[in-house]
């Protein structure tokens, strides 16, 4: 006599196959979304990013004698999956601020630039400039080919355990001036009340 509560083997196998296919579809969709949002075209599609794009076009990261180009994602998105997903989730706040009008004009963007830049610098400092080191690593630098000043500073930075962002804050985007008045968002973070 058959047990009425027992699930037929054929049904279990079908369920397993469906779950497997759903997993593949999810991973494929997530991979497509991450890849699509890592393009230069996507990053500069918001009109408030046009200021950043213009600044970037004036740097060696955009155009240089070797033809190697570092795009937005190369500098701002980690290569490892876990940190990449966290970065993508956190980046949703930029889309939110664009939609809500917090940074939707060049004037509003400039008013928030110091705060936004500091958030990026803190992230880069905390990750030991992980994205910079994808291309620029002390171990791969030929210090003898650098200027005397750069050679001295890079050797000292490595010895002191400094990271790229400690010295190179204005490399691609203009370094903002510190606000004359304290940033309300930073004050709120410092004062939890």
N, C-alpha and C. Protein backbone atom coordinates (compact mmCIF):
# COMPACT_ATOMS: atom_id res chain seq x y z
N UNK A 1 0.84 -1.17 0.00
CA UNK A 1 0.00 0.00 0.00
C UNK A 1 0.90 1.25 0.00
N UNK A 2 0.53 2.22 -0.84
CA UNK A 2 1.32 3.45 -0.95
C UNK A 2 1.00 4.39 0.20
N UNK A 3 2.05 5.12 0.61
CA UNK A 3 1.90 6.13 1.67
C UNK A 3 1.34 7.39 1.01
N UNK A 4 0.13 7.86 1.41
CA UNK A 4 -0.48 9.03 0.76
C UNK A 4 0.31 10.32 0.99
N UNK A 5 1.15 10.39 2.02
CA UNK A 5 1.90 11.61 2.33
C UNK A 5 3.22 11.67 1.57
N UNK A 6 3.64 10.58 1.00
CA UNK A 6 4.92 10.53 0.31
C UNK A 6 4.79 11.21 -1.05
N UNK A 7 5.73 12.11 -1.35
CA UNK A 7 5.75 12.82 -2.62
C UNK A 7 6.35 11.89 -3.67
N UNK A 8 5.69 11.78 -4.82
CA UNK A 8 6.24 10.92 -5.87
C UNK A 8 7.63 11.38 -6.27
N UNK A 9 8.51 10.44 -6.55
CA UNK A 9 9.90 10.71 -6.90
C UNK A 9 9.98 11.62 -8.14
N UNK A 10 9.11 11.40 -9.10
CA UNK A 10 9.10 12.20 -10.31
C UNK A 10 8.82 13.68 -9.99
N UNK A 11 7.92 13.94 -9.05
CA UNK A 11 7.61 15.31 -8.64
C UNK A 11 8.82 15.95 -7.96
N UNK A 12 9.52 15.23 -7.11
CA UNK A 12 10.70 15.74 -6.41
C UNK A 12 11.79 16.11 -7.40
N UNK A 13 12.00 15.28 -8.41
CA UNK A 13 13.01 15.54 -9.42
C UNK A 13 12.63 16.78 -10.24
N UNK A 14 11.38 16.90 -10.60
CA UNK A 14 10.89 18.06 -11.35
C UNK A 14 11.08 19.34 -10.52
N UNK A 15 10.76 19.30 -9.24
CA UNK A 15 10.93 20.46 -8.36
C UNK A 15 12.40 20.85 -8.29
N UNK A 16 13.29 19.89 -8.17
CA UNK A 16 14.72 20.14 -8.10
C UNK A 16 15.21 20.81 -9.40
N UNK A 17 14.77 20.31 -10.53
CA UNK A 17 15.15 20.88 -11.82
C UNK A 17 14.63 22.31 -11.94
N UNK A 18 13.40 22.56 -11.52
CA UNK A 18 12.83 23.91 -11.59
C UNK A 18 13.59 24.89 -10.69
N UNK A 19 13.94 24.46 -9.49
CA UNK A 19 14.71 25.31 -8.57
C UNK A 19 16.08 25.60 -9.19
N UNK A 20 16.71 24.60 -9.77
CA UNK A 20 18.01 24.78 -10.42
C UNK A 20 17.91 25.78 -11.57
N UNK A 21 16.90 25.63 -12.42
CA UNK A 21 16.72 26.56 -13.54
C UNK A 21 16.40 27.97 -13.07
N UNK A 22 15.60 28.08 -12.01
CA UNK A 22 15.30 29.40 -11.44
C UNK A 22 16.58 30.05 -10.91
N UNK A 23 17.43 29.25 -10.29
CA UNK A 23 18.72 29.76 -9.78
C UNK A 23 19.59 30.28 -10.91
N UNK A 24 19.64 29.52 -12.01
CA UNK A 24 20.43 29.95 -13.16
C UNK A 24 19.86 31.25 -13.72
N UNK A 25 18.55 31.34 -13.84
CA UNK A 25 17.91 32.56 -14.34
C UNK A 25 18.22 33.75 -13.44
N UNK A 26 18.15 33.54 -12.12
CA UNK A 26 18.44 34.62 -11.18
C UNK A 26 19.88 35.10 -11.31
N UNK A 27 20.82 34.17 -11.34
CA UNK A 27 22.24 34.53 -11.46
C UNK A 27 22.49 35.23 -12.79
N UNK A 28 21.89 34.73 -13.86
CA UNK A 28 22.06 35.36 -15.17
C UNK A 28 21.52 36.78 -15.19
N UNK A 29 20.35 36.97 -14.60
CA UNK A 29 19.74 38.30 -14.54
C UNK A 29 20.59 39.25 -13.69
N UNK A 30 21.04 38.76 -12.54
CA UNK A 30 21.88 39.59 -11.66
C UNK A 30 23.19 39.95 -12.37
N UNK A 31 23.80 38.99 -13.04
CA UNK A 31 25.04 39.25 -13.76
C UNK A 31 24.81 40.29 -14.87
N UNK A 32 23.72 40.16 -15.59
CA UNK A 32 23.40 41.12 -16.65
C UNK A 32 23.22 42.53 -16.05
N UNK A 33 22.50 42.62 -14.94
CA UNK A 33 22.26 43.92 -14.30
C UNK A 33 23.56 44.55 -13.83
N UNK A 34 24.42 43.75 -13.21
CA UNK A 34 25.70 44.27 -12.72
C UNK A 34 26.56 44.72 -13.89
N UNK A 35 26.63 43.91 -14.93
CA UNK A 35 27.43 44.26 -16.10
C UNK A 35 26.90 45.53 -16.77
N UNK A 36 25.60 45.62 -16.92
CA UNK A 36 25.00 46.79 -17.57
C UNK A 36 25.23 48.07 -16.77
N UNK A 37 25.20 47.97 -15.45
CA UNK A 37 25.37 49.16 -14.62
C UNK A 37 26.84 49.49 -14.35
N UNK A 38 27.76 48.70 -14.91
CA UNK A 38 29.19 48.98 -14.77
C UNK A 38 29.76 49.67 -16.00
N UNK A 39 28.93 50.05 -16.95
CA UNK A 39 29.44 50.68 -18.16
C UNK A 39 29.58 52.19 -17.97
N UNK A 40 30.48 52.75 -18.73
CA UNK A 40 30.68 54.20 -18.71
C UNK A 40 29.40 54.91 -19.16
N UNK A 41 28.71 54.34 -20.13
CA UNK A 41 27.48 54.94 -20.63
C UNK A 41 26.41 55.00 -19.54
N UNK A 42 26.28 53.93 -18.77
CA UNK A 42 25.29 53.93 -17.70
C UNK A 42 25.68 54.94 -16.61
N UNK A 43 26.94 54.90 -16.21
CA UNK A 43 27.39 55.78 -15.12
C UNK A 43 27.19 57.25 -15.44
N UNK A 44 27.35 57.61 -16.70
CA UNK A 44 27.25 59.03 -17.08
C UNK A 44 25.88 59.38 -17.67
N UNK A 45 24.91 58.47 -17.55
CA UNK A 45 23.59 58.73 -18.11
C UNK A 45 22.78 59.75 -17.30
N UNK A 46 23.06 59.89 -16.01
CA UNK A 46 22.40 60.92 -15.22
C UNK A 46 23.06 62.26 -15.56
N UNK A 47 22.25 63.28 -15.78
CA UNK A 47 22.85 64.55 -16.20
C UNK A 47 23.74 65.16 -15.12
N UNK A 48 23.53 64.81 -13.86
CA UNK A 48 24.41 65.37 -12.82
C UNK A 48 25.81 64.74 -12.87
N UNK A 49 25.96 63.60 -13.53
CA UNK A 49 27.27 62.98 -13.66
C UNK A 49 28.07 63.58 -14.81
N UNK A 50 27.47 64.49 -15.56
CA UNK A 50 28.18 65.10 -16.67
C UNK A 50 29.37 65.93 -16.18
N UNK A 51 29.25 66.54 -15.02
CA UNK A 51 30.39 67.29 -14.44
C UNK A 51 31.54 66.33 -14.18
N UNK A 52 31.24 65.20 -13.55
CA UNK A 52 32.27 64.20 -13.29
C UNK A 52 32.87 63.67 -14.59
N UNK A 53 32.01 63.44 -15.57
CA UNK A 53 32.46 62.91 -16.86
C UNK A 53 33.42 63.88 -17.54
N UNK A 54 33.09 65.16 -17.51
CA UNK A 54 33.96 66.17 -18.13
C UNK A 54 35.32 66.21 -17.41
N UNK A 55 35.30 66.14 -16.08
CA UNK A 55 36.56 66.12 -15.33
C UNK A 55 37.39 64.89 -15.69
N UNK A 56 36.72 63.77 -15.76
CA UNK A 56 37.38 62.49 -16.08
C UNK A 56 38.02 62.54 -17.46
N UNK A 57 37.36 63.17 -18.44
CA UNK A 57 37.89 63.25 -19.80
C UNK A 57 39.19 64.04 -19.87
N UNK A 58 39.49 64.83 -18.87
CA UNK A 58 40.71 65.64 -18.85
C UNK A 58 41.89 64.90 -18.20
N UNK A 59 41.71 63.62 -17.85
CA UNK A 59 42.75 62.89 -17.12
C UNK A 59 43.35 61.75 -17.93
N UNK A 60 44.47 61.24 -17.43
CA UNK A 60 45.13 60.10 -18.06
C UNK A 60 44.34 58.80 -17.87
N UNK A 61 43.40 58.80 -16.95
CA UNK A 61 42.57 57.60 -16.80
C UNK A 61 41.61 57.46 -17.99
N UNK A 62 41.32 58.56 -18.66
CA UNK A 62 40.42 58.55 -19.83
C UNK A 62 41.21 58.31 -21.12
N UNK A 63 42.26 59.11 -21.34
CA UNK A 63 43.04 59.02 -22.57
C UNK A 63 44.51 59.21 -22.24
N UNK A 64 45.34 58.31 -22.78
CA UNK A 64 46.76 58.35 -22.47
C UNK A 64 47.54 57.70 -23.61
N UNK A 65 48.87 57.84 -23.61
CA UNK A 65 49.67 57.29 -24.71
C UNK A 65 49.53 55.76 -24.88
N UNK A 66 49.29 55.04 -23.80
CA UNK A 66 49.22 53.58 -23.90
C UNK A 66 47.85 53.08 -24.34
N UNK A 67 46.84 53.94 -24.31
CA UNK A 67 45.50 53.54 -24.73
C UNK A 67 44.71 52.77 -23.70
N UNK A 68 45.23 52.66 -22.49
CA UNK A 68 44.52 51.95 -21.43
C UNK A 68 43.56 52.94 -20.76
N UNK A 69 42.30 52.55 -20.64
CA UNK A 69 41.31 53.45 -20.05
C UNK A 69 40.70 52.80 -18.81
N UNK A 70 40.67 53.54 -17.73
CA UNK A 70 39.98 53.11 -16.52
C UNK A 70 38.65 53.84 -16.49
N UNK A 71 37.56 53.09 -16.46
CA UNK A 71 36.23 53.70 -16.45
C UNK A 71 35.74 53.83 -15.01
N UNK A 72 34.55 54.37 -14.85
CA UNK A 72 33.97 54.61 -13.53
C UNK A 72 34.01 53.35 -12.67
N UNK A 73 33.55 52.24 -13.23
CA UNK A 73 33.48 50.98 -12.47
C UNK A 73 34.87 50.49 -12.07
N UNK A 74 35.89 50.73 -12.89
CA UNK A 74 37.24 50.29 -12.53
C UNK A 74 37.71 50.94 -11.23
N UNK A 75 37.29 52.17 -11.00
CA UNK A 75 37.73 52.90 -9.80
C UNK A 75 36.73 52.81 -8.64
N UNK A 76 35.46 52.63 -8.95
CA UNK A 76 34.44 52.70 -7.91
C UNK A 76 33.74 51.39 -7.57
N UNK A 77 33.97 50.33 -8.36
CA UNK A 77 33.27 49.07 -8.12
C UNK A 77 34.30 47.96 -7.92
N UNK A 78 34.28 47.29 -6.76
CA UNK A 78 35.21 46.18 -6.52
C UNK A 78 35.02 45.05 -7.52
N UNK A 79 36.06 44.28 -7.73
CA UNK A 79 36.00 43.13 -8.64
C UNK A 79 35.39 41.91 -7.95
N UNK A 80 35.64 41.74 -6.65
CA UNK A 80 35.14 40.57 -5.91
C UNK A 80 33.63 40.69 -5.76
N UNK A 81 32.93 39.54 -5.86
CA UNK A 81 31.48 39.54 -5.88
C UNK A 81 30.84 40.15 -4.62
N UNK A 82 31.26 39.74 -3.44
CA UNK A 82 30.65 40.25 -2.20
C UNK A 82 30.73 41.76 -2.09
N UNK A 83 31.97 42.33 -2.13
CA UNK A 83 32.08 43.79 -2.08
C UNK A 83 31.39 44.49 -3.23
N UNK A 84 31.35 43.85 -4.42
CA UNK A 84 30.68 44.43 -5.57
C UNK A 84 29.19 44.57 -5.31
N UNK A 85 28.56 43.53 -4.76
CA UNK A 85 27.12 43.58 -4.47
C UNK A 85 26.81 44.63 -3.42
N UNK A 86 27.64 44.71 -2.40
CA UNK A 86 27.44 45.73 -1.35
C UNK A 86 27.55 47.13 -1.96
N UNK A 87 28.55 47.33 -2.82
CA UNK A 87 28.73 48.63 -3.48
C UNK A 87 27.52 48.98 -4.33
N UNK A 88 26.99 48.01 -5.05
CA UNK A 88 25.82 48.26 -5.90
C UNK A 88 24.60 48.65 -5.06
N UNK A 89 24.43 47.98 -3.94
CA UNK A 89 23.30 48.29 -3.05
C UNK A 89 23.45 49.71 -2.50
N UNK A 90 24.65 50.04 -2.04
CA UNK A 90 24.91 51.38 -1.50
C UNK A 90 24.75 52.45 -2.58
N UNK A 91 25.14 52.12 -3.81
CA UNK A 91 25.04 53.09 -4.92
C UNK A 91 23.60 53.45 -5.24
N UNK A 92 22.67 52.64 -4.81
CA UNK A 92 21.25 52.95 -5.06
C UNK A 92 20.87 54.29 -4.44
N UNK A 93 21.59 54.70 -3.40
CA UNK A 93 21.29 56.00 -2.77
C UNK A 93 21.56 57.15 -3.74
N UNK A 94 22.55 56.99 -4.62
CA UNK A 94 22.84 58.04 -5.60
C UNK A 94 21.68 58.17 -6.59
N UNK A 95 21.13 57.04 -7.01
CA UNK A 95 19.97 57.07 -7.89
C UNK A 95 18.79 57.71 -7.16
N UNK A 96 18.61 57.35 -5.90
CA UNK A 96 17.54 57.94 -5.08
C UNK A 96 17.70 59.47 -5.03
N UNK A 97 18.92 59.94 -4.74
CA UNK A 97 19.15 61.39 -4.64
C UNK A 97 18.94 62.09 -5.98
N UNK A 98 19.28 61.41 -7.05
CA UNK A 98 19.03 61.97 -8.39
C UNK A 98 17.52 62.12 -8.60
N UNK A 99 16.77 61.07 -8.31
CA UNK A 99 15.31 61.08 -8.51
C UNK A 99 14.63 62.09 -7.59
N UNK A 100 15.07 62.17 -6.34
CA UNK A 100 14.45 63.06 -5.36
C UNK A 100 14.86 64.52 -5.55
N UNK A 101 15.83 64.77 -6.41
CA UNK A 101 16.22 66.15 -6.70
C UNK A 101 17.28 66.71 -5.77
N UNK A 102 17.90 65.89 -4.95
CA UNK A 102 18.94 66.35 -4.03
C UNK A 102 20.18 66.81 -4.77
N UNK A 103 20.50 66.13 -5.90
CA UNK A 103 21.72 66.45 -6.66
C UNK A 103 21.40 66.59 -8.16
N UNK A 104 20.20 66.99 -8.50
CA UNK A 104 19.77 66.96 -9.90
C UNK A 104 20.17 68.18 -10.73
N UNK A 105 20.87 69.13 -10.13
CA UNK A 105 21.38 70.27 -10.89
C UNK A 105 22.86 70.43 -10.56
N UNK A 106 23.62 71.07 -11.44
CA UNK A 106 25.05 71.26 -11.13
C UNK A 106 25.26 72.00 -9.81
N UNK A 107 24.38 72.94 -9.49
CA UNK A 107 24.53 73.71 -8.25
C UNK A 107 24.30 72.81 -7.03
N UNK A 108 23.26 71.99 -7.08
CA UNK A 108 22.98 71.08 -5.97
C UNK A 108 24.08 70.03 -5.84
N UNK A 109 24.57 69.56 -6.99
CA UNK A 109 25.66 68.60 -6.97
C UNK A 109 26.90 69.19 -6.30
N UNK A 110 27.25 70.41 -6.70
CA UNK A 110 28.43 71.06 -6.11
C UNK A 110 28.24 71.30 -4.61
N UNK A 111 27.03 71.62 -4.20
CA UNK A 111 26.76 71.83 -2.78
C UNK A 111 26.97 70.55 -1.98
N UNK A 112 26.77 69.38 -2.60
CA UNK A 112 26.93 68.08 -1.93
C UNK A 112 28.27 67.40 -2.25
N UNK A 113 29.07 68.02 -3.12
CA UNK A 113 30.30 67.37 -3.59
C UNK A 113 31.24 67.01 -2.44
N UNK A 114 31.45 67.90 -1.50
CA UNK A 114 32.37 67.62 -0.39
C UNK A 114 31.91 66.38 0.37
N UNK A 115 30.65 66.33 0.68
CA UNK A 115 30.09 65.19 1.43
C UNK A 115 30.23 63.90 0.61
N UNK A 116 29.86 63.93 -0.66
CA UNK A 116 29.95 62.73 -1.50
C UNK A 116 31.40 62.29 -1.67
N UNK A 117 32.30 63.23 -1.90
CA UNK A 117 33.72 62.90 -2.06
C UNK A 117 34.28 62.27 -0.79
N UNK A 118 33.91 62.82 0.35
CA UNK A 118 34.40 62.25 1.60
C UNK A 118 33.90 60.83 1.81
N UNK A 119 32.68 60.54 1.40
CA UNK A 119 32.18 59.16 1.51
C UNK A 119 33.01 58.21 0.65
N UNK A 120 33.34 58.65 -0.57
CA UNK A 120 34.16 57.81 -1.46
C UNK A 120 35.56 57.65 -0.87
N UNK A 121 36.14 58.73 -0.37
CA UNK A 121 37.49 58.65 0.20
C UNK A 121 37.53 57.71 1.41
N UNK A 122 36.51 57.80 2.25
CA UNK A 122 36.46 56.90 3.41
C UNK A 122 36.38 55.45 2.98
N UNK A 123 35.56 55.18 1.96
CA UNK A 123 35.42 53.82 1.44
C UNK A 123 36.75 53.33 0.88
N UNK A 124 37.43 54.20 0.12
CA UNK A 124 38.71 53.82 -0.48
C UNK A 124 39.78 53.60 0.60
N UNK A 125 39.78 54.43 1.60
CA UNK A 125 40.73 54.28 2.70
C UNK A 125 40.48 52.96 3.44
N UNK A 126 39.21 52.66 3.71
CA UNK A 126 38.85 51.44 4.43
C UNK A 126 39.21 50.18 3.64
N UNK A 127 39.19 50.27 2.31
CA UNK A 127 39.52 49.09 1.49
C UNK A 127 40.98 49.09 1.05
N UNK A 128 41.79 49.97 1.63
CA UNK A 128 43.21 50.10 1.25
C UNK A 128 43.33 50.39 -0.25
N UNK A 129 42.45 51.25 -0.74
CA UNK A 129 42.44 51.65 -2.15
C UNK A 129 42.44 50.42 -3.07
N UNK A 130 41.62 49.44 -2.73
CA UNK A 130 41.56 48.16 -3.44
C UNK A 130 41.39 48.34 -4.95
N UNK A 131 40.48 49.22 -5.37
CA UNK A 131 40.25 49.38 -6.79
C UNK A 131 41.45 50.04 -7.48
N UNK A 132 42.10 51.01 -6.83
CA UNK A 132 43.30 51.62 -7.40
C UNK A 132 44.37 50.56 -7.63
N UNK A 133 44.51 49.67 -6.65
CA UNK A 133 45.58 48.67 -6.69
C UNK A 133 45.35 47.58 -7.73
N UNK A 134 44.17 47.56 -8.32
CA UNK A 134 43.96 46.63 -9.43
C UNK A 134 44.94 46.97 -10.55
N UNK A 135 45.21 48.26 -10.73
CA UNK A 135 46.16 48.71 -11.76
C UNK A 135 47.47 49.22 -11.18
N UNK A 136 47.40 49.87 -10.04
CA UNK A 136 48.58 50.52 -9.43
C UNK A 136 48.93 49.80 -8.14
N UNK A 137 49.98 49.02 -8.15
CA UNK A 137 50.39 48.30 -6.94
C UNK A 137 51.86 48.64 -6.68
N UNK A 138 52.18 48.91 -5.43
CA UNK A 138 53.57 49.24 -5.09
C UNK A 138 54.52 48.17 -5.62
N UNK A 139 54.13 46.91 -5.52
CA UNK A 139 55.00 45.81 -5.94
C UNK A 139 55.28 45.84 -7.44
N UNK A 140 54.39 46.43 -8.22
CA UNK A 140 54.57 46.48 -9.67
C UNK A 140 55.15 47.79 -10.17
N UNK A 141 55.39 48.73 -9.27
CA UNK A 141 55.92 50.02 -9.68
C UNK A 141 57.42 49.93 -9.91
N UNK A 142 57.87 50.53 -10.99
CA UNK A 142 59.30 50.66 -11.25
C UNK A 142 59.67 52.06 -10.77
N UNK A 143 60.05 52.15 -9.51
CA UNK A 143 60.32 53.46 -8.92
C UNK A 143 61.44 54.20 -9.64
N UNK A 144 62.37 53.46 -10.24
CA UNK A 144 63.48 54.12 -10.95
C UNK A 144 63.01 54.90 -12.17
N UNK A 145 61.83 54.58 -12.69
CA UNK A 145 61.27 55.28 -13.84
C UNK A 145 60.42 56.48 -13.44
N UNK A 146 60.21 56.66 -12.15
CA UNK A 146 59.38 57.77 -11.67
C UNK A 146 60.25 58.99 -11.40
N UNK A 147 59.59 60.15 -11.31
CA UNK A 147 60.34 61.35 -10.96
C UNK A 147 60.91 61.18 -9.56
N UNK A 148 61.89 61.97 -9.25
CA UNK A 148 62.53 61.86 -7.93
C UNK A 148 61.52 62.04 -6.80
N UNK A 149 60.62 63.02 -6.96
CA UNK A 149 59.61 63.29 -5.94
C UNK A 149 58.65 62.11 -5.80
N UNK A 150 58.14 61.59 -6.93
CA UNK A 150 57.20 60.46 -6.89
C UNK A 150 57.87 59.23 -6.30
N UNK A 151 59.11 58.97 -6.71
CA UNK A 151 59.85 57.81 -6.20
C UNK A 151 59.98 57.89 -4.68
N UNK A 152 60.33 59.05 -4.19
CA UNK A 152 60.50 59.25 -2.74
C UNK A 152 59.17 59.09 -2.01
N UNK A 153 58.13 59.70 -2.54
CA UNK A 153 56.81 59.65 -1.89
C UNK A 153 56.22 58.25 -1.91
N UNK A 154 56.35 57.53 -3.03
CA UNK A 154 55.79 56.18 -3.11
C UNK A 154 56.55 55.23 -2.18
N UNK A 155 57.86 55.35 -2.13
CA UNK A 155 58.64 54.50 -1.22
C UNK A 155 58.25 54.78 0.23
N UNK A 156 58.10 56.06 0.58
CA UNK A 156 57.71 56.42 1.95
C UNK A 156 56.29 55.96 2.26
N UNK A 157 55.39 56.10 1.31
CA UNK A 157 54.00 55.69 1.52
C UNK A 157 53.92 54.20 1.79
N UNK A 158 54.67 53.42 1.03
CA UNK A 158 54.66 51.97 1.23
C UNK A 158 55.21 51.62 2.61
N UNK A 159 56.28 52.28 2.99
CA UNK A 159 56.88 52.02 4.31
C UNK A 159 55.94 52.40 5.45
N UNK A 160 55.18 53.48 5.27
CA UNK A 160 54.26 53.95 6.31
C UNK A 160 52.91 53.23 6.29
N UNK A 161 52.69 52.40 5.29
CA UNK A 161 51.41 51.71 5.18
C UNK A 161 50.29 52.61 4.69
N UNK A 162 50.65 53.68 3.99
CA UNK A 162 49.63 54.58 3.45
C UNK A 162 48.99 53.95 2.22
N UNK A 163 47.84 54.47 1.87
CA UNK A 163 47.12 53.96 0.71
C UNK A 163 46.98 55.06 -0.33
N UNK A 164 46.63 54.69 -1.54
CA UNK A 164 46.60 55.62 -2.67
C UNK A 164 45.83 56.90 -2.37
N UNK A 165 44.65 56.76 -1.78
CA UNK A 165 43.76 57.90 -1.57
C UNK A 165 44.31 58.90 -0.56
N UNK A 166 45.30 58.50 0.23
CA UNK A 166 45.91 59.42 1.17
C UNK A 166 46.55 60.61 0.44
N UNK A 167 47.07 60.38 -0.76
CA UNK A 167 47.75 61.44 -1.52
C UNK A 167 47.06 61.83 -2.82
N UNK A 168 46.23 60.95 -3.36
CA UNK A 168 45.70 61.15 -4.71
C UNK A 168 44.20 61.41 -4.73
N UNK A 169 43.72 62.35 -3.93
CA UNK A 169 42.28 62.63 -3.89
C UNK A 169 41.77 63.36 -5.12
N UNK A 170 42.55 64.18 -5.74
CA UNK A 170 42.08 64.97 -6.88
C UNK A 170 42.61 64.47 -8.21
N UNK A 171 42.85 63.17 -8.34
CA UNK A 171 43.45 62.64 -9.56
C UNK A 171 42.49 62.66 -10.74
N UNK A 172 41.26 62.24 -10.56
CA UNK A 172 40.31 62.16 -11.67
C UNK A 172 39.24 63.23 -11.57
N UNK A 173 38.73 63.45 -10.39
CA UNK A 173 37.70 64.48 -10.20
C UNK A 173 38.31 65.63 -9.41
N UNK A 174 37.83 66.82 -9.69
CA UNK A 174 38.34 67.98 -8.97
C UNK A 174 38.13 67.79 -7.47
N UNK A 175 39.16 68.09 -6.73
CA UNK A 175 39.05 67.95 -5.27
C UNK A 175 38.23 69.12 -4.75
N UNK A 176 37.13 68.83 -4.07
CA UNK A 176 36.27 69.92 -3.59
C UNK A 176 36.90 70.66 -2.42
N UNK A 177 36.53 71.91 -2.31
CA UNK A 177 36.95 72.70 -1.15
C UNK A 177 36.11 72.28 0.04
N UNK A 178 36.74 72.29 1.21
CA UNK A 178 36.00 71.98 2.43
C UNK A 178 34.95 73.07 2.66
N UNK A 179 33.77 72.69 3.10
CA UNK A 179 32.74 73.71 3.33
C UNK A 179 33.13 74.62 4.49
N UNK A 180 32.67 75.86 4.40
CA UNK A 180 32.96 76.80 5.48
C UNK A 180 32.16 76.44 6.73
N UNK A 181 30.95 75.94 6.51
CA UNK A 181 30.12 75.49 7.63
C UNK A 181 30.16 73.97 7.67
N UNK A 182 30.04 73.38 8.85
CA UNK A 182 30.04 71.92 8.92
C UNK A 182 28.88 71.32 8.11
N UNK A 183 29.15 70.19 7.47
CA UNK A 183 28.13 69.49 6.70
C UNK A 183 27.11 68.92 7.67
N UNK A 184 25.81 69.23 7.51
CA UNK A 184 24.79 68.73 8.44
C UNK A 184 24.75 67.20 8.50
N UNK A 185 25.01 66.52 7.40
CA UNK A 185 24.99 65.05 7.40
C UNK A 185 26.14 64.51 8.25
N UNK A 186 27.32 65.14 8.16
CA UNK A 186 28.45 64.69 8.97
C UNK A 186 28.22 65.01 10.44
N UNK A 187 27.61 66.16 10.72
CA UNK A 187 27.32 66.52 12.10
C UNK A 187 26.30 65.54 12.70
N UNK A 188 25.32 65.15 11.89
CA UNK A 188 24.31 64.18 12.38
C UNK A 188 24.93 62.84 12.66
N UNK A 189 25.94 62.43 11.86
CA UNK A 189 26.62 61.16 12.10
C UNK A 189 27.44 61.22 13.38
N UNK A 190 28.05 62.36 13.64
CA UNK A 190 28.88 62.50 14.83
C UNK A 190 28.02 62.62 16.09
N UNK A 191 26.85 63.24 15.95
CA UNK A 191 25.96 63.44 17.09
C UNK A 191 24.71 62.60 16.90
N UNK A 192 24.62 61.43 17.55
CA UNK A 192 23.48 60.55 17.32
C UNK A 192 22.17 61.07 17.87
N UNK A 193 22.14 62.12 18.61
CA UNK A 193 20.87 62.60 19.18
C UNK A 193 20.00 63.32 18.19
